[in-house]
C-alpha cells in the first residue's frame, strides 16, 4: 500500500514543514496499529528539526551523515538507527533499499509488516508505504546469519549491494560502468562458468579477498570495468572476476530491453540458489535476482 501526500515544501517555513512531517508520522502510527506494523522507518534527512518520533521508529541515515542528531533522537525517543548508502534513488528505490538493508541487519524480520516514510532525497518526507518483506522480497529466504559458503550472509549481501550502488552513482573515471555479482552456492555456480581473462583474484589468501575488508572495495570497483561477473562465496570471499556465466536459458519473464548480463543473472539464479546483483551501464539501475526472477530494481533519480 502506498499513500502519497504530494505536498510541495518549497518556500515553506520550518514550522510548516515540521507540522506536515508530524501529521504524516501520526498517520503512520494509526496505520501501523491497523496493519500490525512493528516498525516505522523514516529517513532522517526528510525529518525537520524538533519533530517528535513514535516509540517504534527507526531512523535511516545516509552513510553516517547527521550521526550526532541520530544519536540524540535515539536517546530521546528510543529509536533505532539504520545506515544506508548515500546514493540518489527515486522514492521506490529508497523504500526498497531501506527494507532490504533493514532485513540484512535484523532491524526487521521477514514476517514483519513495516512502514517506511520517504521523500525526494534531502526534502521533507511526503510518501508513506506499508512493506511486507516476506511477500515482496523472495531473496530473504537465501540470506542467513551463519558462515555457510553456500548461503549468503546478510552482511555480505549488504556490502555487495552497497558496492553496486556506488558503481551506479560514481562509475569509474567519470564513465558509466556496468556490474555483475553472483553471490553464494559457489560450487554449483562454478559448473556454469569459465574465465574470460586470467582470474585476478587467484592465488591470494582468503582473508585478502573478502568483500567485508574495506581495503578490497576499490579493487572491486577497478575490476568492474572488465567484462564478466564477480563470483563471490556466501561468506564474502571473492573467487573470481571477469567470469563468463554460461546459461543458455533465458527466463521468458525477463523484462523487455534487458541485455545479456541480466539474462545471465536470471539464468544462474534459476539453476542455483545464488543471488545475483546487476548494475546497468546504460542507466545505472541496480537489479537484484533470485530464483530466475528480478526481485527488485533500484533506480536513480
C-alpha atoms as a PDB file:
ATOM      1  CA  UNK A   1       0.000   0.000   0.000  1.00  0.00           C
ATOM      2  CA  UNK A   2       1.363   3.425  -0.963  1.00  0.00           C
ATOM      3  CA  UNK A   3      -0.020   6.742   0.243  1.00  0.00           C
ATOM      4  CA  UNK A   4       1.481   9.784  -1.477  1.00  0.00           C
ATOM      5  CA  UNK A   5       0.740  13.105   0.189  1.00  0.00           C
ATOM      6  CA  UNK A   6       2.327  15.046  -2.643  1.00  0.00           C
ATOM      7  CA  UNK A   7       2.828  18.393  -0.914  1.00  0.00           C
ATOM      8  CA  UNK A   8       5.492  20.869  -2.019  1.00  0.00           C
ATOM      9  CA  UNK A   9       7.822  22.178   0.684  1.00  0.00           C
ATOM     10  CA  UNK A  10       9.489  24.879  -1.423  1.00  0.00           C
ATOM     11  CA  UNK A  11       9.079  28.211   0.359  1.00  0.00           C
ATOM     12  CA  UNK A  12       7.597  26.674   3.499  1.00  0.00           C
ATOM     13  CA  UNK A  13       8.832  27.686   6.910  1.00  0.00           C
ATOM     14  CA  UNK A  14      10.463  25.152   9.210  1.00  0.00           C
ATOM     15  CA  UNK A  15       7.354  25.159  11.404  1.00  0.00           C
ATOM     16  CA  UNK A  16       5.140  24.338   8.405  1.00  0.00           C
ATOM     17  CA  UNK A  17       7.440  21.506   7.322  1.00  0.00           C
ATOM     18  CA  UNK A  18       7.553  20.195  10.896  1.00  0.00           C
ATOM     19  CA  UNK A  19       3.749  20.237  11.127  1.00  0.00           C
ATOM     20  CA  UNK A  20       3.401  18.277   7.886  1.00  0.00           C
ATOM     21  CA  UNK A  21       6.015  15.719   8.968  1.00  0.00           C
ATOM     22  CA  UNK A  22       4.278  15.347  12.335  1.00  0.00           C
ATOM     23  CA  UNK A  23       0.924  14.746  10.638  1.00  0.00           C
ATOM     24  CA  UNK A  24       2.487  12.111   8.403  1.00  0.00           C
ATOM     25  CA  UNK A  25       4.114  10.381  11.382  1.00  0.00           C
ATOM     26  CA  UNK A  26       0.791  10.454  13.219  1.00  0.00           C
ATOM     27  CA  UNK A  27      -0.903   8.856  10.206  1.00  0.00           C
ATOM     28  CA  UNK A  28       1.864   6.248  10.151  1.00  0.00           C
ATOM     29  CA  UNK A  29       1.174   5.363  13.798  1.00  0.00           C
ATOM     30  CA  UNK A  30      -2.548   4.942  13.070  1.00  0.00           C
ATOM     31  CA  UNK A  31      -1.899   2.745  10.034  1.00  0.00           C
ATOM     32  CA  UNK A  32       0.741   0.754  11.945  1.00  0.00           C
ATOM     33  CA  UNK A  33      -1.852  -0.087  14.586  1.00  0.00           C
ATOM     34  CA  UNK A  34      -4.343  -1.222  11.942  1.00  0.00           C
ATOM     35  CA  UNK A  35      -1.966  -3.407   9.897  1.00  0.00           C
ATOM     36  CA  UNK A  36       0.177  -4.633  12.780  1.00  0.00           C
ATOM     37  CA  UNK A  37       3.359  -2.923  11.592  1.00  0.00           C
ATOM     38  CA  UNK A  38       6.142  -3.353  14.154  1.00  0.00           C
ATOM     39  CA  UNK A  39       8.424  -0.549  12.966  1.00  0.00           C
ATOM     40  CA  UNK A  40       8.162   2.873  11.335  1.00  0.00           C
ATOM     41  CA  UNK A  41      11.257   3.654   9.256  1.00  0.00           C
ATOM     42  CA  UNK A  42      11.870   7.338   8.471  1.00  0.00           C
ATOM     43  CA  UNK A  43      14.682   8.967   6.511  1.00  0.00           C
ATOM     44  CA  UNK A  44      16.423  11.456   8.786  1.00  0.00           C
ATOM     45  CA  UNK A  45      17.224  13.969   6.031  1.00  0.00           C
ATOM     46  CA  UNK A  46      13.470  14.279   5.433  1.00  0.00           C
ATOM     47  CA  UNK A  47      12.677  14.909   9.099  1.00  0.00           C
ATOM     48  CA  UNK A  48      12.624  18.589  10.156  1.00  0.00           C
ATOM     49  CA  UNK A  49      14.427  19.522  13.368  1.00  0.00           C
ATOM     50  CA  UNK A  50      12.494  19.036  16.622  1.00  0.00           C
ATOM     51  CA  UNK A  51       9.946  16.670  15.070  1.00  0.00           C
ATOM     52  CA  UNK A  52       8.862  14.101  17.691  1.00  0.00           C
ATOM     53  CA  UNK A  53       9.144  10.414  16.828  1.00  0.00           C
ATOM     54  CA  UNK A  54       6.967   7.428  17.770  1.00  0.00           C
ATOM     55  CA  UNK A  55       8.445   4.810  20.098  1.00  0.00           C
ATOM     56  CA  UNK A  56       8.802   2.176  17.375  1.00  0.00           C
ATOM     57  CA  UNK A  57      10.677   4.474  14.960  1.00  0.00           C
ATOM     58  CA  UNK A  58      13.829   3.536  13.067  1.00  0.00           C
ATOM     59  CA  UNK A  59      15.925   6.488  11.891  1.00  0.00           C
ATOM     60  CA  UNK A  60      17.534   5.994   8.473  1.00  0.00           C
ATOM     61  CA  UNK A  61      20.820   7.859   7.982  1.00  0.00           C
ATOM     62  CA  UNK A  62      22.835   8.071   4.777  1.00  0.00           C
ATOM     63  CA  UNK A  63      26.458   6.897   5.040  1.00  0.00           C
ATOM     64  CA  UNK A  64      26.661   8.001   8.661  1.00  0.00           C
ATOM     65  CA  UNK A  65      25.644  11.608   7.975  1.00  0.00           C
ATOM     66  CA  UNK A  66      23.944  13.516  10.821  1.00  0.00           C
ATOM     67  CA  UNK A  67      25.182  10.875  13.247  1.00  0.00           C
ATOM     68  CA  UNK A  68      25.074  13.245  16.228  1.00  0.00           C
ATOM     69  CA  UNK A  69      21.457  14.164  15.520  1.00  0.00           C
ATOM     70  CA  UNK A  70      20.561  10.495  15.031  1.00  0.00           C
ATOM     71  CA  UNK A  71      22.170   9.563  18.348  1.00  0.00           C
ATOM     72  CA  UNK A  72      20.265  12.391  20.078  1.00  0.00           C
ATOM     73  CA  UNK A  73      16.960  11.110  18.660  1.00  0.00           C
ATOM     74  CA  UNK A  74      17.942   7.602  19.700  1.00  0.00           C
ATOM     75  CA  UNK A  75      18.471   8.731  23.280  1.00  0.00           C
ATOM     76  CA  UNK A  76      15.372  10.962  23.334  1.00  0.00           C
ATOM     77  CA  UNK A  77      12.839   8.629  21.715  1.00  0.00           C
ATOM     78  CA  UNK A  78      14.493   5.216  21.975  1.00  0.00           C
ATOM     79  CA  UNK A  79      14.665   4.980  18.176  1.00  0.00           C
ATOM     80  CA  UNK A  80      16.920   2.539  16.352  1.00  0.00           C
ATOM     81  CA  UNK A  81      19.368   3.690  13.657  1.00  0.00           C
ATOM     82  CA  UNK A  82      19.751   2.141  10.187  1.00  0.00           C
ATOM     83  CA  UNK A  83      22.536   3.362   7.919  1.00  0.00           C
ATOM     84  CA  UNK A  84      22.166   3.130   4.110  1.00  0.00           C
ATOM     85  CA  UNK A  85      24.474   4.173   1.243  1.00  0.00           C
ATOM     86  CA  UNK A  86      24.328   7.848   0.286  1.00  0.00           C
ATOM     87  CA  UNK A  87      23.050   7.435  -3.271  1.00  0.00           C
ATOM     88  CA  UNK A  88      20.348   9.188  -5.255  1.00  0.00           C
ATOM     89  CA  UNK A  89      17.401   6.850  -5.828  1.00  0.00           C
ATOM     90  CA  UNK A  90      13.782   7.553  -6.634  1.00  0.00           C
ATOM     91  CA  UNK A  91      11.249   7.087  -3.836  1.00  0.00           C
ATOM     92  CA  UNK A  92      10.521   3.450  -4.720  1.00  0.00           C
ATOM     93  CA  UNK A  93      14.240   2.680  -4.798  1.00  0.00           C
ATOM     94  CA  UNK A  94      14.824   4.308  -1.425  1.00  0.00           C
ATOM     95  CA  UNK A  95      11.956   2.319   0.097  1.00  0.00           C
ATOM     96  CA  UNK A  96      13.192  -0.997  -1.317  1.00  0.00           C
ATOM     97  CA  UNK A  97      16.779  -0.299  -0.252  1.00  0.00           C
ATOM     98  CA  UNK A  98      15.724   0.604   3.297  1.00  0.00           C
ATOM     99  CA  UNK A  99      13.616  -2.556   3.602  1.00  0.00           C
ATOM    100  CA  UNK A 100      16.346  -4.816   2.200  1.00  0.00           C
ATOM    101  CA  UNK A 101      19.068  -3.421   4.462  1.00  0.00           C
ATOM    102  CA  UNK A 102      16.768  -3.434   7.491  1.00  0.00           C
ATOM    103  CA  UNK A 103      16.309  -7.152   6.824  1.00  0.00           C
ATOM    104  CA  UNK A 104      20.039  -7.734   6.365  1.00  0.00           C
ATOM    105  CA  UNK A 105      20.791  -6.051   9.706  1.00  0.00           C
ATOM    106  CA  UNK A 106      17.930  -7.760  11.582  1.00  0.00           C
ATOM    107  CA  UNK A 107      16.274  -4.406  12.283  1.00  0.00           C
ATOM    108  CA  UNK A 108      13.124  -6.080  10.992  1.00  0.00           C
ATOM    109  CA  UNK A 109      12.244  -9.727  10.448  1.00  0.00           C
ATOM    110  CA  UNK A 110      10.953 -11.195   7.185  1.00  0.00           C
ATOM    111  CA  UNK A 111       7.496 -11.789   8.668  1.00  0.00           C
ATOM    112  CA  UNK A 112       7.125  -8.216   9.930  1.00  0.00           C
ATOM    113  CA  UNK A 113       4.940  -5.520   8.421  1.00  0.00           C
ATOM    114  CA  UNK A 114       6.754  -2.186   8.417  1.00  0.00           C
ATOM    115  CA  UNK A 115       6.000   1.382   7.382  1.00  0.00           C
ATOM    116  CA  UNK A 116       8.574   3.495   5.550  1.00  0.00           C
ATOM    117  CA  UNK A 117       8.420   7.294   5.226  1.00  0.00           C
ATOM    118  CA  UNK A 118      10.446   8.972   2.489  1.00  0.00           C
ATOM    119  CA  UNK A 119      10.611  11.978   0.196  1.00  0.00           C
ATOM    120  CA  UNK A 120      12.915  13.229  -2.513  1.00  0.00           C
ATOM    121  CA  UNK A 121      16.448  12.953  -1.123  1.00  0.00           C
ATOM    122  CA  UNK A 122      17.084  15.886   1.180  1.00  0.00           C
ATOM    123  CA  UNK A 123      13.433  17.056   1.155  1.00  0.00           C
ATOM    124  CA  UNK A 124      10.717  16.664   3.760  1.00  0.00           C
ATOM    125  CA  UNK A 125       9.039  13.233   3.877  1.00  0.00           C
ATOM    126  CA  UNK A 126       5.955  13.078   1.653  1.00  0.00           C
ATOM    127  CA  UNK A 127       5.299   9.372   0.966  1.00  0.00           C
ATOM    128  CA  UNK A 128       4.171   6.537   3.229  1.00  0.00           C
ATOM    129  CA  UNK A 129       4.369   2.882   2.223  1.00  0.00           C
ATOM    130  CA  UNK A 130       3.477  -0.319   4.044  1.00  0.00           C
ATOM    131  CA  UNK A 131       6.013  -3.040   3.221  1.00  0.00           C
ATOM    132  CA  UNK A 132       5.599  -6.771   3.765  1.00  0.00           C
ATOM    133  CA  UNK A 133       9.141  -8.135   3.234  1.00  0.00           C
ATOM    134  CA  UNK A 134       8.151 -11.799   3.208  1.00  0.00           C
ATOM    135  CA  UNK A 135       5.782 -11.174   0.303  1.00  0.00           C
ATOM    136  CA  UNK A 136       7.805  -8.604  -1.611  1.00  0.00           C
ATOM    137  CA  UNK A 137      11.363  -9.916  -1.326  1.00  0.00           C
ATOM    138  CA  UNK A 138      11.788 -13.621  -2.030  1.00  0.00           C
ATOM    139  CA  UNK A 139      15.548 -13.333  -1.549  1.00  0.00           C
ATOM    140  CA  UNK A 140      15.158 -13.127   2.254  1.00  0.00           C
ATOM    141  CA  UNK A 141      14.978 -16.916   2.171  1.00  0.00           C
ATOM    142  CA  UNK A 142      18.514 -17.021   0.751  1.00  0.00           C
ATOM    143  CA  UNK A 143      20.057 -14.725   3.360  1.00  0.00           C
ATOM    144  CA  UNK A 144      21.481 -16.224   6.534  1.00  0.00           C
ATOM    145  CA  UNK A 145      23.495 -15.219   9.573  1.00  0.00           C
ATOM    146  CA  UNK A 146      25.846 -18.190   9.562  1.00  0.00           C
ATOM    147  CA  UNK A 147      29.157 -18.655   7.794  1.00  0.00           C
ATOM    148  CA  UNK A 148      27.999 -21.210   5.252  1.00  0.00           C
ATOM    149  CA  UNK A 149      29.835 -20.978   1.936  1.00  0.00           C
ATOM    150  CA  UNK A 150      26.598 -21.798   0.120  1.00  0.00           C
ATOM    151  CA  UNK A 151      24.126 -19.483   1.829  1.00  0.00           C
ATOM    152  CA  UNK A 152      24.612 -15.722   1.539  1.00  0.00           C
ATOM    153  CA  UNK A 153      25.499 -13.997   4.791  1.00  0.00           C
ATOM    154  CA  UNK A 154      23.354 -10.930   5.282  1.00  0.00           C
ATOM    155  CA  UNK A 155      26.350  -8.704   5.952  1.00  0.00           C
ATOM    156  CA  UNK A 156      27.892  -9.901   2.671  1.00  0.00           C
ATOM    157  CA  UNK A 157      24.723  -9.094   0.735  1.00  0.00           C
ATOM    158  CA  UNK A 158      24.671  -5.655   2.351  1.00  0.00           C
ATOM    159  CA  UNK A 159      28.276  -4.939   1.373  1.00  0.00           C
ATOM    160  CA  UNK A 160      27.827  -6.062  -2.238  1.00  0.00           C
ATOM    161  CA  UNK A 161      24.626  -4.063  -2.716  1.00  0.00           C
ATOM    162  CA  UNK A 162      26.470  -1.021  -1.336  1.00  0.00           C
ATOM    163  CA  UNK A 163      29.311  -1.508  -3.828  1.00  0.00           C
ATOM    164  CA  UNK A 164      26.820  -1.920  -6.678  1.00  0.00           C
ATOM    165  CA  UNK A 165      25.025   1.292  -5.724  1.00  0.00           C
ATOM    166  CA  UNK A 166      28.299   3.185  -5.522  1.00  0.00           C
ATOM    167  CA  UNK A 167      29.243   1.941  -9.003  1.00  0.00           C
ATOM    168  CA  UNK A 168      25.833   3.012 -10.247  1.00  0.00           C
ATOM    169  CA  UNK A 169      26.323   6.520  -8.907  1.00  0.00           C
ATOM    170  CA  UNK A 170      30.053   7.094  -9.349  1.00  0.00           C
ATOM    171  CA  UNK A 171      31.068   4.981 -12.343  1.00  0.00           C
ATOM    172  CA  UNK A 172      34.833   4.803 -12.909  1.00  0.00           C
ATOM    173  CA  UNK A 173      36.956   7.743 -14.004  1.00  0.00           C
ATOM    174  CA  UNK A 174      33.862   9.721 -14.931  1.00  0.00           C
ATOM    175  CA  UNK A 175      32.415   6.997 -17.160  1.00  0.00           C
ATOM    176  CA  UNK A 176      29.344   4.845 -16.558  1.00  0.00           C
ATOM    177  CA  UNK A 177      30.114   1.190 -15.918  1.00  0.00           C
ATOM    178  CA  UNK A 178      28.003  -1.905 -15.520  1.00  0.00           C
ATOM    179  CA  UNK A 179      28.422  -4.596 -12.917  1.00  0.00           C
ATOM    180  CA  UNK A 180      27.505  -8.212 -12.263  1.00  0.00           C
ATOM    181  CA  UNK A 181      27.874 -10.023  -8.946  1.00  0.00           C
ATOM    182  CA  UNK A 182      26.906 -13.646  -8.263  1.00  0.00           C
ATOM    183  CA  UNK A 183      26.836 -14.477  -4.548  1.00  0.00           C
ATOM    184  CA  UNK A 184      26.514 -17.859  -2.834  1.00  0.00           C
ATOM    185  CA  UNK A 185      26.217 -21.527  -3.896  1.00  0.00           C
ATOM    186  CA  UNK A 186      29.640 -21.066  -5.492  1.00  0.00           C
ATOM    187  CA  UNK A 187      30.391 -24.763  -6.124  1.00  0.00           C
ATOM    188  CA  UNK A 188      27.287 -25.159  -8.245  1.00  0.00           C
ATOM    189  CA  UNK A 189      27.820 -21.762  -9.862  1.00  0.00           C
ATOM    190  CA  UNK A 190      31.308 -22.924 -10.918  1.00  0.00           C
ATOM    191  CA  UNK A 191      29.683 -25.626 -13.065  1.00  0.00           C
ATOM    192  CA  UNK A 192      28.297 -22.870 -15.303  1.00  0.00           C
ATOM    193  CA  UNK A 193      31.304 -20.544 -15.586  1.00  0.00           C
ATOM    194  CA  UNK A 194      34.545 -20.023 -17.452  1.00  0.00           C
ATOM    195  CA  UNK A 195      37.131 -17.262 -17.323  1.00  0.00           C
ATOM    196  CA  UNK A 196      37.176 -14.541 -19.960  1.00  0.00           C
ATOM    197  CA  UNK A 197      40.570 -13.396 -18.619  1.00  0.00           C
ATOM    198  CA  UNK A 198      43.115 -14.727 -16.147  1.00  0.00           C
ATOM    199  CA  UNK A 199      41.434 -14.593 -12.747  1.00  0.00           C
ATOM    200  CA  UNK A 200      42.922 -11.579 -10.901  1.00  0.00           C
ATOM    201  CA  UNK A 201      41.920 -12.998  -7.505  1.00  0.00           C
ATOM    202  CA  UNK A 202      43.538 -16.375  -7.959  1.00  0.00           C
ATOM    203  CA  UNK A 203      46.327 -17.280  -5.536  1.00  0.00           C
ATOM    204  CA  UNK A 204      45.651 -14.666  -2.877  1.00  0.00           C
ATOM    205  CA  UNK A 205      44.835 -15.692   0.726  1.00  0.00           C
ATOM    206  CA  UNK A 206      41.136 -15.726   1.540  1.00  0.00           C
ATOM    207  CA  UNK A 207      41.473 -13.019   4.174  1.00  0.00           C
ATOM    208  CA  UNK A 208      42.723 -10.676   1.431  1.00  0.00           C
ATOM    209  CA  UNK A 209      39.758 -11.452  -0.837  1.00  0.00           C
ATOM    210  CA  UNK A 210      36.835 -10.717   1.488  1.00  0.00           C
ATOM    211  CA  UNK A 211      34.313  -8.090   0.418  1.00  0.00           C
ATOM    212  CA  UNK A 212      33.974  -7.278   4.119  1.00  0.00           C
ATOM    213  CA  UNK A 213      37.514  -5.854   4.054  1.00  0.00           C
ATOM    214  CA  UNK A 214      37.237  -2.146   3.251  1.00  0.00           C
ATOM    215  CA  UNK A 215      40.607  -2.288   1.501  1.00  0.00           C
ATOM    216  CA  UNK A 216      39.184  -4.538  -1.214  1.00  0.00           C
ATOM    217  CA  UNK A 217      36.326  -2.260  -2.238  1.00  0.00           C
ATOM    218  CA  UNK A 218      38.364  -0.032  -4.557  1.00  0.00           C
ATOM    219  CA  UNK A 219      39.935  -3.101  -6.151  1.00  0.00           C
ATOM    220  CA  UNK A 220      36.496  -4.494  -6.921  1.00  0.00           C
ATOM    221  CA  UNK A 221      35.397  -1.172  -8.393  1.00  0.00           C
ATOM    222  CA  UNK A 222      38.510  -1.090 -10.592  1.00  0.00           C
ATOM    223  CA  UNK A 223      37.916  -4.626 -11.895  1.00  0.00           C
ATOM    224  CA  UNK A 224      34.266  -3.771 -12.609  1.00  0.00           C
ATOM    225  CA  UNK A 225      35.408  -2.315 -15.946  1.00  0.00           C
ATOM    226  CA  UNK A 226      36.288  -5.873 -17.062  1.00  0.00           C
ATOM    227  CA  UNK A 227      33.591  -7.835 -18.886  1.00  0.00           C
ATOM    228  CA  UNK A 228      32.083 -10.700 -16.929  1.00  0.00           C
ATOM    229  CA  UNK A 229      30.908 -11.345 -13.387  1.00  0.00           C
ATOM    230  CA  UNK A 230      32.384 -11.341  -9.922  1.00  0.00           C
ATOM    231  CA  UNK A 231      31.744 -14.715  -8.304  1.00  0.00           C
ATOM    232  CA  UNK A 232      31.572 -14.366  -4.525  1.00  0.00           C
ATOM    233  CA  UNK A 233      31.238 -17.108  -1.939  1.00  0.00           C
ATOM    234  CA  UNK A 234      28.386 -16.825   0.561  1.00  0.00           C
ATOM    235  CA  UNK A 235      30.819 -15.856   3.315  1.00  0.00           C
ATOM    236  CA  UNK A 236      32.156 -12.943   1.238  1.00  0.00           C
ATOM    237  CA  UNK A 237      35.335 -14.371  -0.293  1.00  0.00           C
ATOM    238  CA  UNK A 238      35.741 -13.200  -3.911  1.00  0.00           C
ATOM    239  CA  UNK A 239      36.545 -16.251  -6.033  1.00  0.00           C
ATOM    240  CA  UNK A 240      36.914 -14.629  -9.448  1.00  0.00           C
ATOM    241  CA  UNK A 241      36.362 -11.604 -11.655  1.00  0.00           C
ATOM    242  CA  UNK A 242      35.989 -11.434 -15.432  1.00  0.00           C
ATOM    243  CA  UNK A 243      33.928 -14.618 -15.302  1.00  0.00           C
ATOM    244  CA  UNK A 244      31.583 -15.702 -18.061  1.00  0.00           C
ATOM    245  CA  UNK A 245      28.297 -17.132 -16.810  1.00  0.00           C
ATOM    246  CA  UNK A 246      27.267 -19.873 -19.242  1.00  0.00           C
ATOM    247  CA  UNK A 247      23.494 -20.190 -19.071  1.00  0.00           C
ATOM    248  CA  UNK A 248      21.772 -20.746 -22.384  1.00  0.00           C
ATOM    249  CA  UNK A 249      18.343 -20.462 -20.790  1.00  0.00           C
ATOM    250  CA  UNK A 250      16.683 -17.042 -20.779  1.00  0.00           C
ATOM    251  CA  UNK A 251      13.714 -16.503 -18.464  1.00  0.00           C
ATOM    252  CA  UNK A 252      10.619 -15.869 -20.555  1.00  0.00           C
ATOM    253  CA  UNK A 253       9.537 -13.286 -17.974  1.00  0.00           C
ATOM    254  CA  UNK A 254      12.742 -11.254 -18.356  1.00  0.00           C
ATOM    255  CA  UNK A 255      11.664  -7.609 -18.702  1.00  0.00           C
ATOM    256  CA  UNK A 256      12.000  -6.298 -22.231  1.00  0.00           C
ATOM    257  CA  UNK A 257      15.048  -4.223 -23.028  1.00  0.00           C
ATOM    258  CA  UNK A 258      17.418  -6.012 -20.659  1.00  0.00           C
ATOM    259  CA  UNK A 259      20.554  -7.491 -22.165  1.00  0.00           C
ATOM    260  CA  UNK A 260      22.912 -10.424 -21.785  1.00  0.00           C
ATOM    261  CA  UNK A 261      24.093  -9.525 -18.272  1.00  0.00           C
ATOM    262  CA  UNK A 262      20.526  -9.599 -16.968  1.00  0.00           C
ATOM    263  CA  UNK A 263      19.692 -12.791 -18.843  1.00  0.00           C
ATOM    264  CA  UNK A 264      22.764 -14.422 -17.280  1.00  0.00           C
ATOM    265  CA  UNK A 265      21.664 -13.218 -13.832  1.00  0.00           C
ATOM    266  CA  UNK A 266      18.211 -14.711 -14.358  1.00  0.00           C
ATOM    267  CA  UNK A 267      19.725 -17.937 -15.677  1.00  0.00           C
ATOM    268  CA  UNK A 268      22.319 -18.560 -12.957  1.00  0.00           C
ATOM    269  CA  UNK A 269      19.848 -17.850 -10.168  1.00  0.00           C
ATOM    270  CA  UNK A 270      17.371 -20.251 -11.767  1.00  0.00           C
ATOM    271  CA  UNK A 271      19.968 -23.030 -11.950  1.00  0.00           C
ATOM    272  CA  UNK A 272      21.479 -22.437  -8.485  1.00  0.00           C
ATOM    273  CA  UNK A 273      20.497 -20.959  -5.128  1.00  0.00           C
ATOM    274  CA  UNK A 274      22.793 -17.956  -5.688  1.00  0.00           C
ATOM    275  CA  UNK A 275      21.701 -14.317  -5.511  1.00  0.00           C
ATOM    276  CA  UNK A 276      22.766 -12.026  -8.366  1.00  0.00           C
ATOM    277  CA  UNK A 277      23.115  -8.247  -8.455  1.00  0.00           C
ATOM    278  CA  UNK A 278      23.432  -6.356 -11.732  1.00  0.00           C
ATOM    279  CA  UNK A 279      24.269  -2.730 -12.493  1.00  0.00           C
ATOM    280  CA  UNK A 280      23.006  -1.415 -15.821  1.00  0.00           C
ATOM    281  CA  UNK A 281      25.668   0.509 -17.720  1.00  0.00           C
ATOM    282  CA  UNK A 282      23.053   2.499 -19.640  1.00  0.00           C
ATOM    283  CA  UNK A 283      21.048   3.991 -16.777  1.00  0.00           C
ATOM    284  CA  UNK A 284      22.724   2.827 -13.549  1.00  0.00           C
ATOM    285  CA  UNK A 285      19.714   0.827 -12.343  1.00  0.00           C
ATOM    286  CA  UNK A 286      20.681  -1.822  -9.792  1.00  0.00           C
ATOM    287  CA  UNK A 287      18.667  -5.040 -10.018  1.00  0.00           C
ATOM    288  CA  UNK A 288      18.578  -7.991  -7.630  1.00  0.00           C
ATOM    289  CA  UNK A 289      17.851 -11.522  -8.900  1.00  0.00           C
ATOM    290  CA  UNK A 290      16.732 -14.682  -7.134  1.00  0.00           C
ATOM    291  CA  UNK A 291      15.295 -17.962  -8.479  1.00  0.00           C
ATOM    292  CA  UNK A 292      15.391 -16.724 -12.059  1.00  0.00           C
ATOM    293  CA  UNK A 293      13.345 -13.617 -11.277  1.00  0.00           C
ATOM    294  CA  UNK A 294      14.111  -9.969 -10.713  1.00  0.00           C
ATOM    295  CA  UNK A 295      13.332  -9.359  -7.042  1.00  0.00           C
ATOM    296  CA  UNK A 296      13.554  -5.586  -7.172  1.00  0.00           C
ATOM    297  CA  UNK A 297      15.214  -2.733  -9.014  1.00  0.00           C
ATOM    298  CA  UNK A 298      16.759   0.385  -7.510  1.00  0.00           C
ATOM    299  CA  UNK A 299      16.526   3.299  -9.927  1.00  0.00           C
ATOM    300  CA  UNK A 300      18.419   6.553  -9.663  1.00  0.00           C
ATOM    301  CA  UNK A 301      16.532   9.828  -9.554  1.00  0.00           C
END
